[in-house]
Structures are given as C-alpha cells and as structure tokens.
Full PDB file with SEQRES, HELIX, SHEET, SSBOND, CRYST1, ORIGX, SCALE, CONECT and MASTER records, all heavy atoms in Angstrom:
SEQRES   1 A   38  ARG PHE PHE SER GLU ASP GLU TYR LEU LYS HIS LYS ASP          
SEQRES   2 A   38  ALA PHE ILE LEU ASP THR ASP LYS LEU LYS THR ALA LYS          
SEQRES   3 A   38  ALA ASP LEU THR ILE MET HIS PRO LEU PRO ARG VAL              
HELIX    1 AA1 GLU A    5  HIS A   11  1                                   7    
HELIX    2 AA2 ASP A   20  LEU A   22  5                                   3    
CRYST1    1.000    1.000    1.000  90.00  90.00  90.00 P 1           1          
ORIGX1      1.000000  0.000000  0.000000        0.00000                         
ORIGX2      0.000000  1.000000  0.000000        0.00000                         
ORIGX3      0.000000  0.000000  1.000000        0.00000                         
SCALE1      1.000000  0.000000  0.000000        0.00000                         
SCALE2      0.000000  1.000000  0.000000        0.00000                         
SCALE3      0.000000  0.000000  1.000000        0.00000                         
ATOM      1  N   ARG A   1     -95.500  44.293  13.974  1.00  0.00           N  
ATOM      2  CA  ARG A   1     -94.446  44.384  12.954  1.00  0.00           C  
ATOM      3  C   ARG A   1     -94.728  43.465  11.779  1.00  0.00           C  
ATOM      4  O   ARG A   1     -93.968  43.526  10.784  1.00  0.00           O  
ATOM      5  CB  ARG A   1     -93.080  44.066  13.574  1.00  0.00           C  
ATOM      6  CG  ARG A   1     -92.727  44.902  14.803  1.00  0.00           C  
ATOM      7  CD  ARG A   1     -92.575  46.350  14.477  1.00  0.00           C  
ATOM      8  NE  ARG A   1     -92.293  47.101  15.690  1.00  0.00           N  
ATOM      9  CZ  ARG A   1     -92.604  48.368  15.895  1.00  0.00           C  
ATOM     10  NH1 ARG A   1     -93.210  49.051  14.924  1.00  0.00           N  
ATOM     11  NH2 ARG A   1     -92.326  48.983  17.022  1.00  0.00           N  
ATOM     12  N   PHE A   2     -95.699  42.548  11.902  1.00  0.00           N  
ATOM     13  CA  PHE A   2     -95.946  41.606  10.806  1.00  0.00           C  
ATOM     14  C   PHE A   2     -96.927  42.158   9.786  1.00  0.00           C  
ATOM     15  O   PHE A   2     -97.818  42.936  10.123  1.00  0.00           O  
ATOM     16  CB  PHE A   2     -96.498  40.270  11.361  1.00  0.00           C  
ATOM     17  CG  PHE A   2     -95.423  39.392  12.015  1.00  0.00           C  
ATOM     18  CD1 PHE A   2     -95.072  39.617  13.320  1.00  0.00           C  
ATOM     19  CD2 PHE A   2     -94.786  38.446  11.262  1.00  0.00           C  
ATOM     20  CE1 PHE A   2     -94.081  38.855  13.906  1.00  0.00           C  
ATOM     21  CE2 PHE A   2     -93.797  37.646  11.831  1.00  0.00           C  
ATOM     22  CZ  PHE A   2     -93.430  37.874  13.144  1.00  0.00           C  
ATOM     23  N   PHE A   3     -96.744  41.758   8.527  1.00  0.00           N  
ATOM     24  CA  PHE A   3     -97.631  42.222   7.439  1.00  0.00           C  
ATOM     25  C   PHE A   3     -98.901  41.383   7.356  1.00  0.00           C  
ATOM     26  O   PHE A   3     -99.866  41.803   6.714  1.00  0.00           O  
ATOM     27  CB  PHE A   3     -96.860  42.189   6.112  1.00  0.00           C  
ATOM     28  CG  PHE A   3     -95.695  43.131   6.045  1.00  0.00           C  
ATOM     29  CD1 PHE A   3     -94.394  42.704   6.074  1.00  0.00           C  
ATOM     30  CD2 PHE A   3     -95.928  44.511   6.066  1.00  0.00           C  
ATOM     31  CE1 PHE A   3     -93.321  43.571   6.037  1.00  0.00           C  
ATOM     32  CE2 PHE A   3     -94.834  45.406   6.054  1.00  0.00           C  
ATOM     33  CZ  PHE A   3     -93.569  44.926   6.052  1.00  0.00           C  
ATOM     34  N   SER A   4     -98.912  40.211   7.979  1.00  0.00           N  
ATOM     35  CA  SER A   4    -100.111  39.354   7.923  1.00  0.00           C  
ATOM     36  C   SER A   4    -100.309  38.655   9.244  1.00  0.00           C  
ATOM     37  O   SER A   4     -99.341  38.338   9.964  1.00  0.00           O  
ATOM     38  CB  SER A   4    -100.022  38.327   6.808  1.00  0.00           C  
ATOM     39  OG  SER A   4     -99.142  37.255   7.177  1.00  0.00           O  
ATOM     40  N   GLU A   5    -101.536  38.446   9.618  1.00  0.00           N  
ATOM     41  CA  GLU A   5    -101.895  37.740  10.806  1.00  0.00           C  
ATOM     42  C   GLU A   5    -101.390  36.317  10.824  1.00  0.00           C  
ATOM     43  O   GLU A   5    -100.943  35.804  11.851  1.00  0.00           O  
ATOM     44  CB  GLU A   5    -103.394  37.738  11.068  1.00  0.00           C  
ATOM     45  CG  GLU A   5    -103.879  37.183  12.356  1.00  0.00           C  
ATOM     46  CD  GLU A   5    -103.567  37.994  13.600  1.00  0.00           C  
ATOM     47  OE1 GLU A   5    -103.039  39.115  13.422  1.00  0.00           O  
ATOM     48  OE2 GLU A   5    -103.813  37.554  14.724  1.00  0.00           O  
ATOM     49  N   ASP A   6    -101.432  35.672   9.660  1.00  0.00           N  
ATOM     50  CA  ASP A   6    -100.972  34.304   9.528  1.00  0.00           C  
ATOM     51  C   ASP A   6     -99.500  34.149   9.879  1.00  0.00           C  
ATOM     52  O   ASP A   6     -99.087  33.219  10.573  1.00  0.00           O  
ATOM     53  CB  ASP A   6    -101.241  33.741   8.108  1.00  0.00           C  
ATOM     54  CG  ASP A   6    -102.689  33.514   7.835  1.00  0.00           C  
ATOM     55  OD1 ASP A   6    -103.513  33.464   8.811  1.00  0.00           O  
ATOM     56  OD2 ASP A   6    -103.065  33.381   6.654  1.00  0.00           O  
ATOM     57  N   GLU A   7     -98.678  35.095   9.416  1.00  0.00           N  
ATOM     58  CA  GLU A   7     -97.265  35.059   9.704  1.00  0.00           C  
ATOM     59  C   GLU A   7     -97.027  35.234  11.212  1.00  0.00           C  
ATOM     60  O   GLU A   7     -96.178  34.547  11.807  1.00  0.00           O  
ATOM     61  CB  GLU A   7     -96.524  36.169   8.928  1.00  0.00           C  
ATOM     62  CG  GLU A   7     -96.173  35.781   7.537  1.00  0.00           C  
ATOM     63  CD  GLU A   7     -95.209  34.608   7.427  1.00  0.00           C  
ATOM     64  OE1 GLU A   7     -94.130  34.700   7.970  1.00  0.00           O  
ATOM     65  OE2 GLU A   7     -95.586  33.580   6.836  1.00  0.00           O  
ATOM     66  N   TYR A   8     -97.758  36.128  11.823  1.00  0.00           N  
ATOM     67  CA  TYR A   8     -97.635  36.347  13.269  1.00  0.00           C  
ATOM     68  C   TYR A   8     -98.017  35.067  14.020  1.00  0.00           C  
ATOM     69  O   TYR A   8     -97.282  34.608  14.950  1.00  0.00           O  
ATOM     70  CB  TYR A   8     -98.528  37.486  13.752  1.00  0.00           C  
ATOM     71  CG  TYR A   8     -98.686  37.546  15.228  1.00  0.00           C  
ATOM     72  CD1 TYR A   8     -97.637  37.939  16.078  1.00  0.00           C  
ATOM     73  CD2 TYR A   8     -99.885  37.185  15.869  1.00  0.00           C  
ATOM     74  CE1 TYR A   8     -97.797  37.968  17.446  1.00  0.00           C  
ATOM     75  CE2 TYR A   8    -100.035  37.182  17.222  1.00  0.00           C  
ATOM     76  CZ  TYR A   8     -98.968  37.592  18.000  1.00  0.00           C  
ATOM     77  OH  TYR A   8     -99.113  37.579  19.375  1.00  0.00           O  
ATOM     78  N   LEU A   9     -99.139  34.485  13.702  1.00  0.00           N  
ATOM     79  CA  LEU A   9     -99.580  33.275  14.386  1.00  0.00           C  
ATOM     80  C   LEU A   9     -98.595  32.106  14.235  1.00  0.00           C  
ATOM     81  O   LEU A   9     -98.459  31.296  15.148  1.00  0.00           O  
ATOM     82  CB  LEU A   9    -100.958  32.857  13.883  1.00  0.00           C  
ATOM     83  CG  LEU A   9    -102.092  33.863  14.226  1.00  0.00           C  
ATOM     84  CD1 LEU A   9    -103.383  33.460  13.565  1.00  0.00           C  
ATOM     85  CD2 LEU A   9    -102.312  33.928  15.744  1.00  0.00           C  
ATOM     86  N   LYS A  10     -97.952  32.057  13.065  1.00  0.00           N  
ATOM     87  CA  LYS A  10     -96.979  31.020  12.848  1.00  0.00           C  
ATOM     88  C   LYS A  10     -95.776  31.063  13.802  1.00  0.00           C  
ATOM     89  O   LYS A  10     -95.244  30.023  14.190  1.00  0.00           O  
ATOM     90  CB  LYS A  10     -96.452  31.171  11.360  1.00  0.00           C  
ATOM     91  CG  LYS A  10     -95.360  30.185  10.982  1.00  0.00           C  
ATOM     92  CD  LYS A  10     -94.905  30.480   9.539  1.00  0.00           C  
ATOM     93  CE  LYS A  10     -93.690  29.589   9.160  1.00  0.00           C  
ATOM     94  NZ  LYS A  10     -93.235  29.884   7.792  1.00  0.00           N  
ATOM     95  N   HIS A  11     -95.431  32.255  14.208  1.00  0.00           N  
ATOM     96  CA  HIS A  11     -94.197  32.421  15.001  1.00  0.00           C  
ATOM     97  C   HIS A  11     -94.448  32.805  16.460  1.00  0.00           C  
ATOM     98  O   HIS A  11     -93.538  32.753  17.284  1.00  0.00           O  
ATOM     99  CB  HIS A  11     -93.327  33.508  14.406  1.00  0.00           C  
ATOM    100  CG  HIS A  11     -92.806  33.182  13.066  1.00  0.00           C  
ATOM    101  ND1 HIS A  11     -91.969  32.121  12.816  1.00  0.00           N  
ATOM    102  CD2 HIS A  11     -93.041  33.739  11.843  1.00  0.00           C  
ATOM    103  CE1 HIS A  11     -91.711  32.076  11.534  1.00  0.00           C  
ATOM    104  NE2 HIS A  11     -92.341  33.016  10.895  1.00  0.00           N  
ATOM    105  N   LYS A  12     -95.671  33.138  16.865  1.00  0.00           N  
ATOM    106  CA  LYS A  12     -95.880  33.757  18.168  1.00  0.00           C  
ATOM    107  C   LYS A  12     -95.501  32.860  19.359  1.00  0.00           C  
ATOM    108  O   LYS A  12     -95.168  33.376  20.429  1.00  0.00           O  
ATOM    109  CB  LYS A  12     -97.349  34.230  18.310  1.00  0.00           C  
ATOM    110  CG  LYS A  12     -98.364  33.156  18.551  1.00  0.00           C  
ATOM    111  CD  LYS A  12     -99.764  33.752  18.644  1.00  0.00           C  
ATOM    112  CE  LYS A  12    -100.802  32.726  18.956  1.00  0.00           C  
ATOM    113  NZ  LYS A  12    -100.679  32.203  20.336  1.00  0.00           N  
ATOM    114  N   ASP A  13     -95.570  31.551  19.187  1.00  0.00           N  
ATOM    115  CA  ASP A  13     -95.191  30.652  20.291  1.00  0.00           C  
ATOM    116  C   ASP A  13     -93.850  29.951  20.045  1.00  0.00           C  
ATOM    117  O   ASP A  13     -93.607  28.867  20.560  1.00  0.00           O  
ATOM    118  CB  ASP A  13     -96.313  29.637  20.503  1.00  0.00           C  
ATOM    119  CG  ASP A  13     -97.629  30.260  20.952  1.00  0.00           C  
ATOM    120  OD1 ASP A  13     -97.552  31.270  21.668  1.00  0.00           O  
ATOM    121  OD2 ASP A  13     -98.645  29.778  20.549  1.00  0.00           O  
ATOM    122  N   ALA A  14     -93.040  30.577  19.221  1.00  0.00           N  
ATOM    123  CA  ALA A  14     -91.753  29.940  18.843  1.00  0.00           C  
ATOM    124  C   ALA A  14     -90.870  29.576  20.004  1.00  0.00           C  
ATOM    125  O   ALA A  14     -90.282  28.511  20.088  1.00  0.00           O  
ATOM    126  CB  ALA A  14     -90.998  30.843  17.839  1.00  0.00           C  
ATOM    127  N   PHE A  15     -90.790  30.545  20.989  1.00  0.00           N  
ATOM    128  CA  PHE A  15     -89.932  30.285  22.137  1.00  0.00           C  
ATOM    129  C   PHE A  15     -90.627  30.741  23.374  1.00  0.00           C  
ATOM    130  O   PHE A  15     -91.014  31.883  23.525  1.00  0.00           O  
ATOM    131  CB  PHE A  15     -88.579  31.029  21.999  1.00  0.00           C  
ATOM    132  CG  PHE A  15     -87.753  30.544  20.840  1.00  0.00           C  
ATOM    133  CD1 PHE A  15     -87.776  31.261  19.665  1.00  0.00           C  
ATOM    134  CD2 PHE A  15     -87.014  29.408  20.913  1.00  0.00           C  
ATOM    135  CE1 PHE A  15     -87.006  30.862  18.560  1.00  0.00           C  
ATOM    136  CE2 PHE A  15     -86.265  28.961  19.806  1.00  0.00           C  
ATOM    137  CZ  PHE A  15     -86.265  29.682  18.641  1.00  0.00           C  
ATOM    138  N   ILE A  16     -90.813  29.799  24.336  1.00  0.00           N  
ATOM    139  CA  ILE A  16     -91.450  30.122  25.580  1.00  0.00           C  
ATOM    140  C   ILE A  16     -90.521  29.685  26.701  1.00  0.00           C  
ATOM    141  O   ILE A  16     -90.180  28.496  26.791  1.00  0.00           O  
ATOM    142  CB  ILE A  16     -92.819  29.467  25.728  1.00  0.00           C  
ATOM    143  CG1 ILE A  16     -93.779  29.977  24.635  1.00  0.00           C  
ATOM    144  CG2 ILE A  16     -93.431  29.725  27.118  1.00  0.00           C  
ATOM    145  CD1 ILE A  16     -95.154  29.303  24.590  1.00  0.00           C  
ATOM    146  N   LEU A  17     -90.083  30.606  27.547  1.00  0.00           N  
ATOM    147  CA  LEU A  17     -89.206  30.290  28.676  1.00  0.00           C  
ATOM    148  C   LEU A  17     -90.045  29.895  29.874  1.00  0.00           C  
ATOM    149  O   LEU A  17     -90.898  30.666  30.333  1.00  0.00           O  
ATOM    150  CB  LEU A  17     -88.375  31.528  29.002  1.00  0.00           C  
ATOM    151  CG  LEU A  17     -87.363  31.291  30.154  1.00  0.00           C  
ATOM    152  CD1 LEU A  17     -86.314  30.316  29.786  1.00  0.00           C  
ATOM    153  CD2 LEU A  17     -86.737  32.661  30.548  1.00  0.00           C  
ATOM    154  N   ASP A  18     -89.787  28.737  30.390  1.00  0.00           N  
ATOM    155  CA  ASP A  18     -90.455  28.230  31.597  1.00  0.00           C  
ATOM    156  C   ASP A  18     -89.441  27.704  32.593  1.00  0.00           C  
ATOM    157  O   ASP A  18     -88.227  27.665  32.272  1.00  0.00           O  
ATOM    158  CB  ASP A  18     -91.546  27.228  31.291  1.00  0.00           C  
ATOM    159  CG  ASP A  18     -91.022  26.027  30.512  1.00  0.00           C  
ATOM    160  OD1 ASP A  18     -89.798  25.677  30.668  1.00  0.00           O  
ATOM    161  OD2 ASP A  18     -91.792  25.411  29.756  1.00  0.00           O  
ATOM    162  N   THR A  19     -89.864  27.265  33.729  1.00  0.00           N  
ATOM    163  CA  THR A  19     -88.894  26.814  34.772  1.00  0.00           C  
ATOM    164  C   THR A  19     -88.173  25.568  34.330  1.00  0.00           C  
ATOM    165  O   THR A  19     -86.994  25.364  34.744  1.00  0.00           O  
ATOM    166  CB  THR A  19     -89.657  26.570  36.106  1.00  0.00           C  
ATOM    167  OG1 THR A  19     -90.760  25.702  35.885  1.00  0.00           O  
ATOM    168  CG2 THR A  19     -90.143  27.914  36.681  1.00  0.00           C  
ATOM    169  N   ASP A  20     -88.772  24.698  33.540  1.00  0.00           N  
ATOM    170  CA  ASP A  20     -88.073  23.506  33.059  1.00  0.00           C  
ATOM    171  C   ASP A  20     -86.866  23.848  32.240  1.00  0.00           C  
ATOM    172  O   ASP A  20     -85.789  23.193  32.363  1.00  0.00           O  
ATOM    173  CB  ASP A  20     -89.030  22.646  32.252  1.00  0.00           C  
ATOM    174  CG  ASP A  20     -90.005  21.853  33.157  1.00  0.00           C  
ATOM    175  OD1 ASP A  20     -89.708  21.710  34.376  1.00  0.00           O  
ATOM    176  OD2 ASP A  20     -91.048  21.390  32.624  1.00  0.00           O  
ATOM    177  N   LYS A  21     -87.015  24.841  31.382  1.00  0.00           N  
ATOM    178  CA  LYS A  21     -85.886  25.215  30.499  1.00  0.00           C  
ATOM    179  C   LYS A  21     -84.756  25.847  31.295  1.00  0.00           C  
ATOM    180  O   LYS A  21     -83.626  25.943  30.788  1.00  0.00           O  
ATOM    181  CB  LYS A  21     -86.406  26.141  29.410  1.00  0.00           C  
ATOM    182  CG  LYS A  21     -87.311  25.498  28.397  1.00  0.00           C  
ATOM    183  CD  LYS A  21     -87.608  26.438  27.219  1.00  0.00           C  
ATOM    184  CE  LYS A  21     -88.493  25.764  26.168  1.00  0.00           C  
ATOM    185  NZ  LYS A  21     -89.844  25.590  26.624  1.00  0.00           N  
ATOM    186  N   LEU A  22     -85.011  26.292  32.488  1.00  0.00           N  
ATOM    187  CA  LEU A  22     -83.973  26.950  33.287  1.00  0.00           C  
ATOM    188  C   LEU A  22     -83.196  25.974  34.202  1.00  0.00           C  
ATOM    189  O   LEU A  22     -82.258  26.387  34.892  1.00  0.00           O  
ATOM    190  CB  LEU A  22     -84.621  28.032  34.191  1.00  0.00           C  
ATOM    191  CG  LEU A  22     -85.091  29.281  33.499  1.00  0.00           C  
ATOM    192  CD1 LEU A  22     -85.954  30.160  34.423  1.00  0.00           C  
ATOM    193  CD2 LEU A  22     -83.876  30.097  32.990  1.00  0.00           C  
ATOM    194  N   LYS A  23     -83.548  24.702  34.129  1.00  0.00           N  
ATOM    195  CA  LYS A  23     -82.896  23.715  35.018  1.00  0.00           C  
ATOM    196  C   LYS A  23     -81.420  23.576  34.732  1.00  0.00           C  
ATOM    197  O   LYS A  23     -80.593  23.274  35.611  1.00  0.00           O  
ATOM    198  CB  LYS A  23     -83.584  22.342  34.867  1.00  0.00           C  
ATOM    199  CG  LYS A  23     -84.920  22.307  35.573  1.00  0.00           C  
ATOM    200  CD  LYS A  23     -85.608  20.967  35.394  1.00  0.00           C  
ATOM    201  CE  LYS A  23     -86.969  20.924  36.092  1.00  0.00           C  
ATOM    202  NZ  LYS A  23     -87.712  19.670  35.898  1.00  0.00           N  
ATOM    203  N   THR A  24     -81.007  23.790  33.488  1.00  0.00           N  
ATOM    204  CA  THR A  24     -79.567  23.675  33.116  1.00  0.00           C  
ATOM    205  C   THR A  24     -78.863  25.022  33.073  1.00  0.00           C  
ATOM    206  O   THR A  24     -77.681  25.082  32.711  1.00  0.00           O  
ATOM    207  CB  THR A  24     -79.449  22.995  31.728  1.00  0.00           C  
ATOM    208  OG1 THR A  24     -80.095  23.788  30.728  1.00  0.00           O  
ATOM    209  CG2 THR A  24     -80.070  21.604  31.744  1.00  0.00           C  
ATOM    210  N   ALA A  25     -79.544  26.103  33.415  1.00  0.00           N  
ATOM    211  CA  ALA A  25     -78.995  27.395  33.357  1.00  0.00           C  
ATOM    212  C   ALA A  25     -78.034  27.689  34.547  1.00  0.00           C  
ATOM    213  O   ALA A  25     -78.152  27.047  35.585  1.00  0.00           O  
ATOM    214  CB  ALA A  25     -80.081  28.480  33.349  1.00  0.00           C  
ATOM    215  N   LYS A  26     -77.145  28.623  34.375  1.00  0.00           N  
ATOM    216  CA  LYS A  26     -76.207  29.021  35.427  1.00  0.00           C  
ATOM    217  C   LYS A  26     -76.992  29.581  36.643  1.00  0.00           C  
ATOM    218  O   LYS A  26     -78.047  30.152  36.479  1.00  0.00           O  
ATOM    219  CB  LYS A  26     -75.241  30.075  34.950  1.00  0.00           C  
ATOM    220  CG  LYS A  26     -74.261  29.563  33.901  1.00  0.00           C  
ATOM    221  CD  LYS A  26     -73.303  30.653  33.481  1.00  0.00           C  
ATOM    222  CE  LYS A  26     -72.254  30.151  32.476  1.00  0.00           C  
ATOM    223  NZ  LYS A  26     -71.301  31.228  32.056  1.00  0.00           N  
ATOM    224  N   ALA A  27     -76.442  29.391  37.791  1.00  0.00           N  
ATOM    225  CA  ALA A  27     -77.111  29.842  39.028  1.00  0.00           C  
ATOM    226  C   ALA A  27     -77.175  31.331  39.059  1.00  0.00           C  
ATOM    227  O   ALA A  27     -78.086  31.886  39.691  1.00  0.00           O  
ATOM    228  CB  ALA A  27     -76.333  29.327  40.244  1.00  0.00           C  
ATOM    229  N   ASP A  28     -76.232  32.029  38.364  1.00  0.00           N  
ATOM    230  CA  ASP A  28     -76.245  33.453  38.348  1.00  0.00           C  
ATOM    231  C   ASP A  28     -76.712  34.062  37.020  1.00  0.00           C  
ATOM    232  O   ASP A  28     -76.353  35.205  36.687  1.00  0.00           O  
ATOM    233  CB  ASP A  28     -74.865  34.028  38.732  1.00  0.00           C  
ATOM    234  CG  ASP A  28     -73.801  33.675  37.701  1.00  0.00           C  
ATOM    235  OD1 ASP A  28     -74.065  32.763  36.891  1.00  0.00           O  
ATOM    236  OD2 ASP A  28     -72.709  34.261  37.761  1.00  0.00           O  
ATOM    237  N   LEU A  29     -77.418  33.267  36.239  1.00  0.00           N  
ATOM    238  CA  LEU A  29     -77.976  33.778  35.009  1.00  0.00           C  
ATOM    239  C   LEU A  29     -78.832  35.019  35.263  1.00  0.00           C  
ATOM    240  O   LEU A  29     -79.564  35.084  36.303  1.00  0.00           O  
ATOM    241  CB  LEU A  29     -78.855  32.704  34.344  1.00  0.00           C  
ATOM    242  CG  LEU A  29     -79.667  33.121  33.092  1.00  0.00           C  
ATOM    243  CD1 LEU A  29     -78.729  33.414  31.914  1.00  0.00           C  
ATOM    244  CD2 LEU A  29     -80.705  32.066  32.740  1.00  0.00           C  
ATOM    245  N   THR A  30     -78.787  36.027  34.397  1.00  0.00           N  
ATOM    246  CA  THR A  30     -79.675  37.182  34.480  1.00  0.00           C  
ATOM    247  C   THR A  30     -80.685  37.096  33.361  1.00  0.00           C  
ATOM    248  O   THR A  30     -80.306  37.076  32.166  1.00  0.00           O  
ATOM    249  CB  THR A  30     -78.839  38.508  34.356  1.00  0.00           C  
ATOM    250  OG1 THR A  30     -77.938  38.572  35.462  1.00  0.00           O  
ATOM    251  CG2 THR A  30     -79.742  39.694  34.354  1.00  0.00           C  
ATOM    252  N   ILE A  31     -81.958  36.988  33.731  1.00  0.00           N  
ATOM    253  CA  ILE A  31     -83.013  36.876  32.726  1.00  0.00           C  
ATOM    254  C   ILE A  31     -83.617  38.312  32.541  1.00  0.00           C  
ATOM    255  O   ILE A  31     -84.111  38.907  33.500  1.00  0.00           O  
ATOM    256  CB  ILE A  31     -84.139  35.904  33.172  1.00  0.00           C  
ATOM    257  CG1 ILE A  31     -83.544  34.547  33.491  1.00  0.00           C  
ATOM    258  CG2 ILE A  31     -85.217  35.786  32.093  1.00  0.00           C  
ATOM    259  CD1 ILE A  31     -84.470  33.644  34.197  1.00  0.00           C  
ATOM    260  N   MET A  32     -83.635  38.755  31.287  1.00  0.00           N  
ATOM    261  CA  MET A  32     -84.125  40.076  30.978  1.00  0.00           C  
ATOM    262  C   MET A  32     -85.201  40.026  29.915  1.00  0.00           C  
ATOM    263  O   MET A  32     -85.304  39.074  29.184  1.00  0.00           O  
ATOM    264  CB  MET A  32     -82.954  40.967  30.523  1.00  0.00           C  
ATOM    265  CG  MET A  32     -81.875  41.133  31.584  1.00  0.00           C  
ATOM    266  SD  MET A  32     -80.350  41.948  30.957  1.00  0.00           S  
ATOM    267  CE  MET A  32     -81.004  43.593  30.575  1.00  0.00           C  
ATOM    268  N   HIS A  33     -85.993  41.106  29.854  1.00  0.00           N  
ATOM    269  CA  HIS A  33     -87.049  41.272  28.847  1.00  0.00           C  
ATOM    270  C   HIS A  33     -87.417  42.728  28.834  1.00  0.00           C  
ATOM    271  O   HIS A  33     -87.652  43.325  29.866  1.00  0.00           O  
ATOM    272  CB  HIS A  33     -88.265  40.401  29.221  1.00  0.00           C  
ATOM    273  CG  HIS A  33     -89.292  40.273  28.140  1.00  0.00           C  
ATOM    274  ND1 HIS A  33     -89.889  41.354  27.518  1.00  0.00           N  
ATOM    275  CD2 HIS A  33     -89.868  39.184  27.565  1.00  0.00           C  
ATOM    276  CE1 HIS A  33     -90.728  40.913  26.604  1.00  0.00           C  
ATOM    277  NE2 HIS A  33     -90.741  39.626  26.616  1.00  0.00           N  
ATOM    278  N   PRO A  34     -87.484  43.358  27.643  1.00  0.00           N  
ATOM    279  CA  PRO A  34     -87.841  44.772  27.587  1.00  0.00           C  
ATOM    280  C   PRO A  34     -89.273  45.079  27.939  1.00  0.00           C  
ATOM    281  O   PRO A  34     -89.610  46.239  28.159  1.00  0.00           O  
ATOM    282  CB  PRO A  34     -87.487  45.180  26.151  1.00  0.00           C  
ATOM    283  CG  PRO A  34     -87.654  43.894  25.374  1.00  0.00           C  
ATOM    284  CD  PRO A  34     -87.171  42.807  26.294  1.00  0.00           C  
ATOM    285  N   LEU A  35     -90.130  44.070  27.924  1.00  0.00           N  
ATOM    286  CA  LEU A  35     -91.522  44.167  28.198  1.00  0.00           C  
ATOM    287  C   LEU A  35     -92.241  45.094  27.167  1.00  0.00           C  
ATOM    288  O   LEU A  35     -91.594  45.944  26.568  1.00  0.00           O  
ATOM    289  CB  LEU A  35     -91.795  44.656  29.626  1.00  0.00           C  
ATOM    290  CG  LEU A  35     -91.188  43.810  30.737  1.00  0.00           C  
ATOM    291  CD1 LEU A  35     -91.405  44.447  32.140  1.00  0.00           C  
ATOM    292  CD2 LEU A  35     -91.720  42.423  30.777  1.00  0.00           C  
ATOM    293  N   PRO A  36     -93.539  44.907  26.920  1.00  0.00           N  
ATOM    294  CA  PRO A  36     -94.414  43.973  27.559  1.00  0.00           C  
ATOM    295  C   PRO A  36     -94.186  42.549  27.069  1.00  0.00           C  
ATOM    296  O   PRO A  36     -93.771  42.315  25.946  1.00  0.00           O  
ATOM    297  CB  PRO A  36     -95.807  44.482  27.126  1.00  0.00           C  
ATOM    298  CG  PRO A  36     -95.573  45.072  25.780  1.00  0.00           C  
ATOM    299  CD  PRO A  36     -94.230  45.694  25.814  1.00  0.00           C  
ATOM    300  N   ARG A  37     -94.524  41.614  27.876  1.00  0.00           N  
ATOM    301  CA  ARG A  37     -94.498  40.198  27.469  1.00  0.00           C  
ATOM    302  C   ARG A  37     -95.936  39.741  27.142  1.00  0.00           C  
ATOM    303  O   ARG A  37     -96.875  40.304  27.608  1.00  0.00           O  
ATOM    304  CB  ARG A  37     -93.922  39.305  28.577  1.00  0.00           C  
ATOM    305  CG  ARG A  37     -94.811  39.176  29.811  1.00  0.00           C  
ATOM    306  CD  ARG A  37     -94.320  38.145  30.798  1.00  0.00           C  
ATOM    307  NE  ARG A  37     -94.891  38.341  32.104  1.00  0.00           N  
ATOM    308  CZ  ARG A  37     -94.553  37.671  33.183  1.00  0.00           C  
ATOM    309  NH1 ARG A  37     -93.578  36.803  33.121  1.00  0.00           N  
ATOM    310  NH2 ARG A  37     -95.118  37.912  34.328  1.00  0.00           N  
ATOM    311  N   VAL A  38     -96.025  38.694  26.367  1.00  0.00           N  
ATOM    312  CA  VAL A  38     -97.292  38.108  26.087  1.00  0.00           C  
ATOM    313  C   VAL A  38     -97.300  36.742  26.746  1.00  0.00           C  
ATOM    314  O   VAL A  38     -97.838  36.598  27.841  1.00  0.00           O  
ATOM    315  CB  VAL A  38     -97.556  37.964  24.545  1.00  0.00           C  
ATOM    316  CG1 VAL A  38     -98.924  37.390  24.280  1.00  0.00           C  
ATOM    317  CG2 VAL A  38     -97.455  39.341  23.896  1.00  0.00           C  
TER     318      VAL A  38                                                      
MASTER        0    0    0    2    0    0    0    6  317    1    0    3          
END                                                                             
C-alpha cells in the first residue's frame, strides 16, 4: 500500500506485540489479526 520503499521501511516495525507487552493485559483479552503477519 506504500508508494515508496523508504516509507514502508520507516514504519514496518512500529508496533510489535510480544509476551512482555501482554503482562499488563486482561486475563481474558482476545488477541486478533486478519493475517498474514510479518
């Protein structure tokens, strides 16, 4: 969806969900993703 590779590279790692970030999440949180993931 990006018009330039530079713009894509600038944002591609903006948000990465890992187990550390989930430590404060609710026990019944539902994590979703339409896939594919990178």
